[in-house]
Amino acid sequence: MTPKQKAEALVEKFAGKQLEILNKSAVDAFFEVEKEIAIECAKIDVNNIITELQTIQDRINLERKGVNYLESNLIYWSEVKQELEKL
């Protein structure tokens, strides 16, 4: 999944939960506000993932096996965050 696809999936995940609660007319009236809320929720989620990966990376020896995996995940989630900013 590309960072852009992941960003869109996260927004849909959060927006979907809110849309289930609202009726159709309310959804039409509040769609843009709901999307902004979903984007902000997804950004909080991604920020938490990035923070956790940075913490792990800081604690391990950079020579150990597995560091590349953490670095690539950190880059991936940073790109997801950038895609959320574009939405």
PDB file of N, CA and C in Angstrom:
ATOM      1  N   MET A   1       0.860  -1.175   0.000  1.00  0.00           N
ATOM      2  CA  MET A   1       0.000   0.000   0.000  1.00  0.00           C
ATOM      3  C   MET A   1       0.902   1.233   0.000  1.00  0.00           C
ATOM      4  N   THR A   2       0.631   2.148  -0.901  1.00  0.00           N
ATOM      5  CA  THR A   2       1.441   3.357  -0.971  1.00  0.00           C
ATOM      6  C   THR A   2       1.089   4.279   0.199  1.00  0.00           C
ATOM      7  N   PRO A   3       1.967   5.228   0.533  1.00  0.00           N
ATOM      8  CA  PRO A   3       1.636   6.167   1.597  1.00  0.00           C
ATOM      9  C   PRO A   3       0.331   6.922   1.326  1.00  0.00           C
ATOM     10  N   LYS A   4       0.084   7.299   0.065  1.00  0.00           N
ATOM     11  CA  LYS A   4      -1.154   8.008  -0.267  1.00  0.00           C
ATOM     12  C   LYS A   4      -2.369   7.106  -0.035  1.00  0.00           C
ATOM     13  N   GLN A   5      -2.282   5.843  -0.452  1.00  0.00           N
ATOM     14  CA  GLN A   5      -3.383   4.904  -0.236  1.00  0.00           C
ATOM     15  C   GLN A   5      -3.629   4.687   1.260  1.00  0.00           C
ATOM     16  N   LYS A   6      -2.551   4.587   2.040  1.00  0.00           N
ATOM     17  CA  LYS A   6      -2.696   4.386   3.478  1.00  0.00           C
ATOM     18  C   LYS A   6      -3.357   5.604   4.108  1.00  0.00           C
ATOM     19  N   ALA A   7      -2.950   6.813   3.699  1.00  0.00           N
ATOM     20  CA  ALA A   7      -3.543   8.036   4.225  1.00  0.00           C
ATOM     21  C   ALA A   7      -5.035   8.069   3.924  1.00  0.00           C
ATOM     22  N   GLU A   8      -5.415   7.734   2.702  1.00  0.00           N
ATOM     23  CA  GLU A   8      -6.829   7.722   2.328  1.00  0.00           C
ATOM     24  C   GLU A   8      -7.602   6.663   3.107  1.00  0.00           C
ATOM     25  N   ALA A   9      -6.980   5.500   3.331  1.00  0.00           N
ATOM     26  CA  ALA A   9      -7.632   4.431   4.088  1.00  0.00           C
ATOM     27  C   ALA A   9      -7.869   4.848   5.536  1.00  0.00           C
ATOM     28  N   LEU A  10      -6.894   5.530   6.123  1.00  0.00           N
ATOM     29  CA  LEU A  10      -7.060   6.000   7.500  1.00  0.00           C
ATOM     30  C   LEU A  10      -8.194   7.010   7.609  1.00  0.00           C
ATOM     31  N   VAL A  11      -8.270   7.923   6.653  1.00  0.00           N
ATOM     32  CA  VAL A  11      -9.352   8.910   6.665  1.00  0.00           C
ATOM     33  C   VAL A  11     -10.701   8.212   6.525  1.00  0.00           C
ATOM     34  N   GLU A  12     -10.786   7.248   5.606  1.00  0.00           N
ATOM     35  CA  GLU A  12     -12.030   6.503   5.435  1.00  0.00           C
ATOM     36  C   GLU A  12     -12.401   5.745   6.700  1.00  0.00           C
ATOM     37  N   LYS A  13     -11.412   5.193   7.384  1.00  0.00           N
ATOM     38  CA  LYS A  13     -11.656   4.440   8.617  1.00  0.00           C
ATOM     39  C   LYS A  13     -12.316   5.328   9.662  1.00  0.00           C
ATOM     40  N   PHE A  14     -11.752   6.497   9.888  1.00  0.00           N
ATOM     41  CA  PHE A  14     -12.296   7.391  10.899  1.00  0.00           C
ATOM     42  C   PHE A  14     -13.603   8.034  10.437  1.00  0.00           C
ATOM     43  N   ALA A  15     -13.682   8.410   9.184  1.00  0.00           N
ATOM     44  CA  ALA A  15     -14.897   9.028   8.662  1.00  0.00           C
ATOM     45  C   ALA A  15     -16.035   8.017   8.650  1.00  0.00           C
ATOM     46  N   GLY A  16     -15.731   6.787   8.309  1.00  0.00           N
ATOM     47  CA  GLY A  16     -16.756   5.750   8.243  1.00  0.00           C
ATOM     48  C   GLY A  16     -17.469   5.542   9.558  1.00  0.00           C
ATOM     49  N   LYS A  17     -16.734   5.563  10.645  1.00  0.00           N
ATOM     50  CA  LYS A  17     -17.346   5.383  11.962  1.00  0.00           C
ATOM     51  C   LYS A  17     -18.309   6.530  12.269  1.00  0.00           C
ATOM     52  N   GLN A  18     -17.939   7.728  11.895  1.00  0.00           N
ATOM     53  CA  GLN A  18     -18.795   8.879  12.150  1.00  0.00           C
ATOM     54  C   GLN A  18     -20.020   8.855  11.247  1.00  0.00           C
ATOM     55  N   LEU A  19     -19.833   8.437   9.994  1.00  0.00           N
ATOM     56  CA  LEU A  19     -20.934   8.422   9.036  1.00  0.00           C
ATOM     57  C   LEU A  19     -22.010   7.405   9.408  1.00  0.00           C
ATOM     58  N   GLU A  20     -21.630   6.332  10.063  1.00  0.00           N
ATOM     59  CA  GLU A  20     -22.598   5.326  10.492  1.00  0.00           C
ATOM     60  C   GLU A  20     -23.616   5.923  11.462  1.00  0.00           C
ATOM     61  N   ILE A  21     -23.188   6.882  12.250  1.00  0.00           N
ATOM     62  CA  ILE A  21     -24.029   7.475  13.281  1.00  0.00           C
ATOM     63  C   ILE A  21     -24.998   8.510  12.698  1.00  0.00           C
ATOM     64  N   LEU A  22     -24.558   9.225  11.706  1.00  0.00           N
ATOM     65  CA  LEU A  22     -25.343  10.313  11.141  1.00  0.00           C
ATOM     66  C   LEU A  22     -26.311   9.819  10.076  1.00  0.00           C
ATOM     67  N   ASN A  23     -27.467  10.503   9.929  1.00  0.00           N
ATOM     68  CA  ASN A  23     -28.374  10.133   8.844  1.00  0.00           C
ATOM     69  C   ASN A  23     -27.946  10.821   7.554  1.00  0.00           C
ATOM     70  N   LYS A  24     -28.546  10.439   6.428  1.00  0.00           N
ATOM     71  CA  LYS A  24     -28.106  10.900   5.119  1.00  0.00           C
ATOM     72  C   LYS A  24     -28.118  12.418   4.990  1.00  0.00           C
ATOM     73  N   SER A  25     -29.151  13.094   5.454  1.00  0.00           N
ATOM     74  CA  SER A  25     -29.210  14.550   5.298  1.00  0.00           C
ATOM     75  C   SER A  25     -28.135  15.239   6.129  1.00  0.00           C
ATOM     76  N   ALA A  26     -27.876  14.707   7.303  1.00  0.00           N
ATOM     77  CA  ALA A  26     -26.827  15.274   8.152  1.00  0.00           C
ATOM     78  C   ALA A  26     -25.457  15.039   7.538  1.00  0.00           C
ATOM     79  N   VAL A  27     -25.288  13.893   6.920  1.00  0.00           N
ATOM     80  CA  VAL A  27     -24.017  13.583   6.262  1.00  0.00           C
ATOM     81  C   VAL A  27     -23.741  14.595   5.170  1.00  0.00           C
ATOM     82  N   ASP A  28     -24.749  14.896   4.372  1.00  0.00           N
ATOM     83  CA  ASP A  28     -24.584  15.883   3.299  1.00  0.00           C
ATOM     84  C   ASP A  28     -24.196  17.248   3.861  1.00  0.00           C
ATOM     85  N   ALA A  29     -24.807  17.639   4.962  1.00  0.00           N
ATOM     86  CA  ALA A  29     -24.559  18.959   5.540  1.00  0.00           C
ATOM     87  C   ALA A  29     -23.199  19.056   6.212  1.00  0.00           C
ATOM     88  N   PHE A  30     -22.728  17.961   6.794  1.00  0.00           N
ATOM     89  CA  PHE A  30     -21.506  18.005   7.596  1.00  0.00           C
ATOM     90  C   PHE A  30     -20.333  17.251   6.979  1.00  0.00           C
ATOM     91  N   PHE A  31     -20.436  16.875   5.699  1.00  0.00           N
ATOM     92  CA  PHE A  31     -19.408  16.051   5.075  1.00  0.00           C
ATOM     93  C   PHE A  31     -18.014  16.659   5.177  1.00  0.00           C
ATOM     94  N   GLU A  32     -17.867  17.917   4.841  1.00  0.00           N
ATOM     95  CA  GLU A  32     -16.540  18.536   4.875  1.00  0.00           C
ATOM     96  C   GLU A  32     -15.986  18.610   6.292  1.00  0.00           C
ATOM     97  N   VAL A  33     -16.821  18.940   7.253  1.00  0.00           N
ATOM     98  CA  VAL A  33     -16.374  19.005   8.651  1.00  0.00           C
ATOM     99  C   VAL A  33     -15.960  17.613   9.122  1.00  0.00           C
ATOM    100  N   GLU A  34     -16.753  16.610   8.779  1.00  0.00           N
ATOM    101  CA  GLU A  34     -16.441  15.243   9.184  1.00  0.00           C
ATOM    102  C   GLU A  34     -15.127  14.774   8.574  1.00  0.00           C
ATOM    103  N   LYS A  35     -14.887  15.142   7.313  1.00  0.00           N
ATOM    104  CA  LYS A  35     -13.638  14.758   6.661  1.00  0.00           C
ATOM    105  C   LYS A  35     -12.453  15.390   7.369  1.00  0.00           C
ATOM    106  N   GLU A  36     -12.584  16.666   7.741  1.00  0.00           N
ATOM    107  CA  GLU A  36     -11.494  17.342   8.454  1.00  0.00           C
ATOM    108  C   GLU A  36     -11.229  16.679   9.799  1.00  0.00           C
ATOM    109  N   ILE A  37     -12.276  16.296  10.501  1.00  0.00           N
ATOM    110  CA  ILE A  37     -12.112  15.606  11.787  1.00  0.00           C
ATOM    111  C   ILE A  37     -11.412  14.266  11.572  1.00  0.00           C
ATOM    112  N   ALA A  38     -11.839  13.531  10.537  1.00  0.00           N
ATOM    113  CA  ALA A  38     -11.219  12.237  10.245  1.00  0.00           C
ATOM    114  C   ALA A  38      -9.746  12.395   9.900  1.00  0.00           C
ATOM    115  N   ILE A  39      -9.413  13.431   9.136  1.00  0.00           N
ATOM    116  CA  ILE A  39      -8.011  13.683   8.786  1.00  0.00           C
ATOM    117  C   ILE A  39      -7.197  13.981  10.038  1.00  0.00           C
ATOM    118  N   GLU A  40      -7.727  14.809  10.914  1.00  0.00           N
ATOM    119  CA  GLU A  40      -7.012  15.130  12.152  1.00  0.00           C
ATOM    120  C   GLU A  40      -6.824  13.888  13.023  1.00  0.00           C
ATOM    121  N   CYS A  41      -7.832  13.035  13.111  1.00  0.00           N
ATOM    122  CA  CYS A  41      -7.699  11.790  13.880  1.00  0.00           C
ATOM    123  C   CYS A  41      -6.625  10.892  13.287  1.00  0.00           C
ATOM    124  N   ALA A  42      -6.623  10.769  11.966  1.00  0.00           N
ATOM    125  CA  ALA A  42      -5.625   9.939  11.304  1.00  0.00           C
ATOM    126  C   ALA A  42      -4.220  10.501  11.519  1.00  0.00           C
ATOM    127  N   LYS A  43      -4.089  11.834  11.483  1.00  0.00           N
ATOM    128  CA  LYS A  43      -2.782  12.454  11.705  1.00  0.00           C
ATOM    129  C   LYS A  43      -2.287  12.184  13.125  1.00  0.00           C
ATOM    130  N   ILE A  44      -3.182  12.213  14.093  1.00  0.00           N
ATOM    131  CA  ILE A  44      -2.802  11.895  15.474  1.00  0.00           C
ATOM    132  C   ILE A  44      -2.303  10.460  15.545  1.00  0.00           C
ATOM    133  N   ASP A  45      -3.016   9.541  14.904  1.00  0.00           N
ATOM    134  CA  ASP A  45      -2.634   8.130  14.883  1.00  0.00           C
ATOM    135  C   ASP A  45      -1.252   7.946  14.256  1.00  0.00           C
ATOM    136  N   VAL A  46      -1.026   8.579  13.104  1.00  0.00           N
ATOM    137  CA  VAL A  46       0.258   8.467  12.409  1.00  0.00           C
ATOM    138  C   VAL A  46       1.377   9.102  13.236  1.00  0.00           C
ATOM    139  N   ASN A  47       1.115  10.235  13.857  1.00  0.00           N
ATOM    140  CA  ASN A  47       2.123  10.863  14.724  1.00  0.00           C
ATOM    141  C   ASN A  47       2.529   9.928  15.857  1.00  0.00           C
ATOM    142  N   ASN A  48       1.565   9.208  16.424  1.00  0.00           N
ATOM    143  CA  ASN A  48       1.883   8.253  17.489  1.00  0.00           C
ATOM    144  C   ASN A  48       2.774   7.126  16.970  1.00  0.00           C
ATOM    145  N   ILE A  49       2.491   6.629  15.781  1.00  0.00           N
ATOM    146  CA  ILE A  49       3.313   5.562  15.192  1.00  0.00           C
ATOM    147  C   ILE A  49       4.725   6.073  14.937  1.00  0.00           C
ATOM    148  N   ILE A  50       4.834   7.261  14.364  1.00  0.00           N
ATOM    149  CA  ILE A  50       6.157   7.836  14.085  1.00  0.00           C
ATOM    150  C   ILE A  50       6.936   8.031  15.376  1.00  0.00           C
ATOM    151  N   THR A  51       6.289   8.541  16.403  1.00  0.00           N
ATOM    152  CA  THR A  51       6.943   8.751  17.698  1.00  0.00           C
ATOM    153  C   THR A  51       7.447   7.438  18.281  1.00  0.00           C
ATOM    154  N   GLU A  52       6.625   6.393  18.201  1.00  0.00           N
ATOM    155  CA  GLU A  52       7.039   5.086  18.712  1.00  0.00           C
ATOM    156  C   GLU A  52       8.238   4.544  17.946  1.00  0.00           C
ATOM    157  N   LEU A  53       8.202   4.661  16.623  1.00  0.00           N
ATOM    158  CA  LEU A  53       9.328   4.172  15.825  1.00  0.00           C
ATOM    159  C   LEU A  53      10.606   4.954  16.115  1.00  0.00           C
ATOM    160  N   GLN A  54      10.476   6.265  16.308  1.00  0.00           N
ATOM    161  CA  GLN A  54      11.651   7.071  16.630  1.00  0.00           C
ATOM    162  C   GLN A  54      12.212   6.682  17.992  1.00  0.00           C
ATOM    163  N   THR A  55      11.341   6.396  18.947  1.00  0.00           N
ATOM    164  CA  THR A  55      11.781   5.980  20.277  1.00  0.00           C
ATOM    165  C   THR A  55      12.533   4.658  20.207  1.00  0.00           C
ATOM    166  N   ILE A  56      11.976   3.710  19.465  1.00  0.00           N
ATOM    167  CA  ILE A  56      12.643   2.412  19.303  1.00  0.00           C
ATOM    168  C   ILE A  56      13.995   2.590  18.625  1.00  0.00           C
ATOM    169  N   GLN A  57      14.004   3.400  17.568  1.00  0.00           N
ATOM    170  CA  GLN A  57      15.242   3.616  16.827  1.00  0.00           C
ATOM    171  C   GLN A  57      16.299   4.249  17.723  1.00  0.00           C
ATOM    172  N   ASP A  58      15.919   5.167  18.571  1.00  0.00           N
ATOM    173  CA  ASP A  58      16.864   5.822  19.474  1.00  0.00           C
ATOM    174  C   ASP A  58      17.450   4.848  20.483  1.00  0.00           C
ATOM    175  N   ARG A  59      16.691   3.803  20.839  1.00  0.00           N
ATOM    176  CA  ARG A  59      17.124   2.890  21.900  1.00  0.00           C
ATOM    177  C   ARG A  59      17.971   1.722  21.403  1.00  0.00           C
ATOM    178  N   ILE A  60      17.960   1.469  20.144  1.00  0.00           N
ATOM    179  CA  ILE A  60      18.710   0.302  19.661  1.00  0.00           C
ATOM    180  C   ILE A  60      20.046   0.716  19.069  1.00  0.00           C
ATOM    181  N   ASN A  61      20.911  -0.218  18.994  1.00  0.00           N
ATOM    182  CA  ASN A  61      22.221  -0.006  18.382  1.00  0.00           C
ATOM    183  C   ASN A  61      22.042   0.047  16.876  1.00  0.00           C
ATOM    184  N   LEU A  62      22.523   1.100  16.240  1.00  0.00           N
ATOM    185  CA  LEU A  62      22.317   1.279  14.808  1.00  0.00           C
ATOM    186  C   LEU A  62      23.006   0.207  13.971  1.00  0.00           C
ATOM    187  N   GLU A  63      23.890  -0.555  14.576  1.00  0.00           N
ATOM    188  CA  GLU A  63      24.582  -1.620  13.856  1.00  0.00           C
ATOM    189  C   GLU A  63      23.796  -2.926  13.863  1.00  0.00           C
ATOM    190  N   ARG A  64      22.766  -3.042  14.711  1.00  0.00           N
ATOM    191  CA  ARG A  64      22.031  -4.295  14.842  1.00  0.00           C
ATOM    192  C   ARG A  64      21.176  -4.592  13.617  1.00  0.00           C
ATOM    193  N   LYS A  65      20.948  -5.862  13.409  1.00  0.00           N
ATOM    194  CA  LYS A  65      20.061  -6.296  12.338  1.00  0.00           C
ATOM    195  C   LYS A  65      18.637  -5.843  12.674  1.00  0.00           C
ATOM    196  N   GLY A  66      17.924  -5.355  11.695  1.00  0.00           N
ATOM    197  CA  GLY A  66      16.557  -4.914  11.917  1.00  0.00           C
ATOM    198  C   GLY A  66      16.395  -3.410  11.901  1.00  0.00           C
ATOM    199  N   VAL A  67      17.511  -2.676  11.973  1.00  0.00           N
ATOM    200  CA  VAL A  67      17.437  -1.224  11.976  1.00  0.00           C
ATOM    201  C   VAL A  67      16.869  -0.719  10.652  1.00  0.00           C
ATOM    202  N   ASN A  68      17.260  -1.358   9.553  1.00  0.00           N
ATOM    203  CA  ASN A  68      16.749  -0.943   8.249  1.00  0.00           C
ATOM    204  C   ASN A  68      15.236  -1.048   8.193  1.00  0.00           C
ATOM    205  N   TYR A  69      14.681  -2.072   8.830  1.00  0.00           N
ATOM    206  CA  TYR A  69      13.233  -2.235   8.877  1.00  0.00           C
ATOM    207  C   TYR A  69      12.596  -1.054   9.602  1.00  0.00           C
ATOM    208  N   LEU A  70      13.154  -0.672  10.722  1.00  0.00           N
ATOM    209  CA  LEU A  70      12.610   0.461  11.474  1.00  0.00           C
ATOM    210  C   LEU A  70      12.738   1.753  10.686  1.00  0.00           C
ATOM    211  N   GLU A  71      13.881   1.945  10.056  1.00  0.00           N
ATOM    212  CA  GLU A  71      14.088   3.161   9.274  1.00  0.00           C
ATOM    213  C   GLU A  71      13.105   3.239   8.116  1.00  0.00           C
ATOM    214  N   SER A  72      12.882   2.109   7.436  1.00  0.00           N
ATOM    215  CA  SER A  72      11.958   2.124   6.301  1.00  0.00           C
ATOM    216  C   SER A  72      10.525   2.371   6.773  1.00  0.00           C
ATOM    217  N   ASN A  73      10.170   1.830   7.941  1.00  0.00           N
ATOM    218  CA  ASN A  73       8.838   2.099   8.488  1.00  0.00           C
ATOM    219  C   ASN A  73       8.693   3.552   8.899  1.00  0.00           C
ATOM    220  N   LEU A  74       9.722   4.117   9.456  1.00  0.00           N
ATOM    221  CA  LEU A  74       9.689   5.533   9.842  1.00  0.00           C
ATOM    222  C   LEU A  74       9.498   6.408   8.607  1.00  0.00           C
ATOM    223  N   ILE A  75      10.203   6.089   7.537  1.00  0.00           N
ATOM    224  CA  ILE A  75      10.056   6.832   6.280  1.00  0.00           C
ATOM    225  C   ILE A  75       8.637   6.663   5.738  1.00  0.00           C
ATOM    226  N   TYR A  76       8.136   5.433   5.742  1.00  0.00           N
ATOM    227  CA  TYR A  76       6.786   5.155   5.238  1.00  0.00           C
ATOM    228  C   TYR A  76       5.736   5.977   5.981  1.00  0.00           C
ATOM    229  N   TRP A  77       5.765   5.944   7.308  1.00  0.00           N
ATOM    230  CA  TRP A  77       4.748   6.659   8.091  1.00  0.00           C
ATOM    231  C   TRP A  77       4.914   8.169   7.974  1.00  0.00           C
ATOM    232  N   SER A  78       6.120   8.632   7.761  1.00  0.00           N
ATOM    233  CA  SER A  78       6.329  10.059   7.507  1.00  0.00           C
ATOM    234  C   SER A  78       5.689  10.459   6.181  1.00  0.00           C
ATOM    235  N   GLU A  79       5.786   9.566   5.194  1.00  0.00           N
ATOM    236  CA  GLU A  79       5.153   9.833   3.903  1.00  0.00           C
ATOM    237  C   GLU A  79       3.633   9.798   4.017  1.00  0.00           C
ATOM    238  N   VAL A  80       3.104   8.878   4.828  1.00  0.00           N
ATOM    239  CA  VAL A  80       1.658   8.844   5.068  1.00  0.00           C
ATOM    240  C   VAL A  80       1.207  10.169   5.677  1.00  0.00           C
ATOM    241  N   LYS A  81       1.977  10.678   6.629  1.00  0.00           N
ATOM    242  CA  LYS A  81       1.648  11.958   7.261  1.00  0.00           C
ATOM    243  C   LYS A  81       1.637  13.081   6.217  1.00  0.00           C
ATOM    244  N   GLN A  82       2.618  13.081   5.315  1.00  0.00           N
ATOM    245  CA  GLN A  82       2.667  14.108   4.264  1.00  0.00           C
ATOM    246  C   GLN A  82       1.430  14.004   3.355  1.00  0.00           C
ATOM    247  N   GLU A  83       1.004  12.782   3.047  1.00  0.00           N
ATOM    248  CA  GLU A  83      -0.187  12.610   2.216  1.00  0.00           C
ATOM    249  C   GLU A  83      -1.431  13.108   2.935  1.00  0.00           C
ATOM    250  N   LEU A  84      -1.500  12.917   4.242  1.00  0.00           N
ATOM    251  CA  LEU A  84      -2.641  13.438   5.015  1.00  0.00           C
ATOM    252  C   LEU A  84      -2.669  14.954   4.958  1.00  0.00           C
ATOM    253  N   GLU A  85      -1.501  15.572   4.980  1.00  0.00           N
ATOM    254  CA  GLU A  85      -1.430  17.027   4.903  1.00  0.00           C
ATOM    255  C   GLU A  85      -1.977  17.545   3.572  1.00  0.00           C
ATOM    256  N   LYS A  86      -1.847  16.733   2.513  1.00  0.00           N
ATOM    257  CA  LYS A  86      -2.303  17.127   1.187  1.00  0.00           C
ATOM    258  C   LYS A  86      -3.816  17.007   1.017  1.00  0.00           C
ATOM    259  N   LEU A  87      -4.468  16.185   1.864  1.00  0.00           N
ATOM    260  CA  LEU A  87      -5.915  15.963   1.720  1.00  0.00           C
ATOM    261  C   LEU A  87      -6.722  17.166   2.143  1.00  0.00           C
TER     262      LEU A  87
END
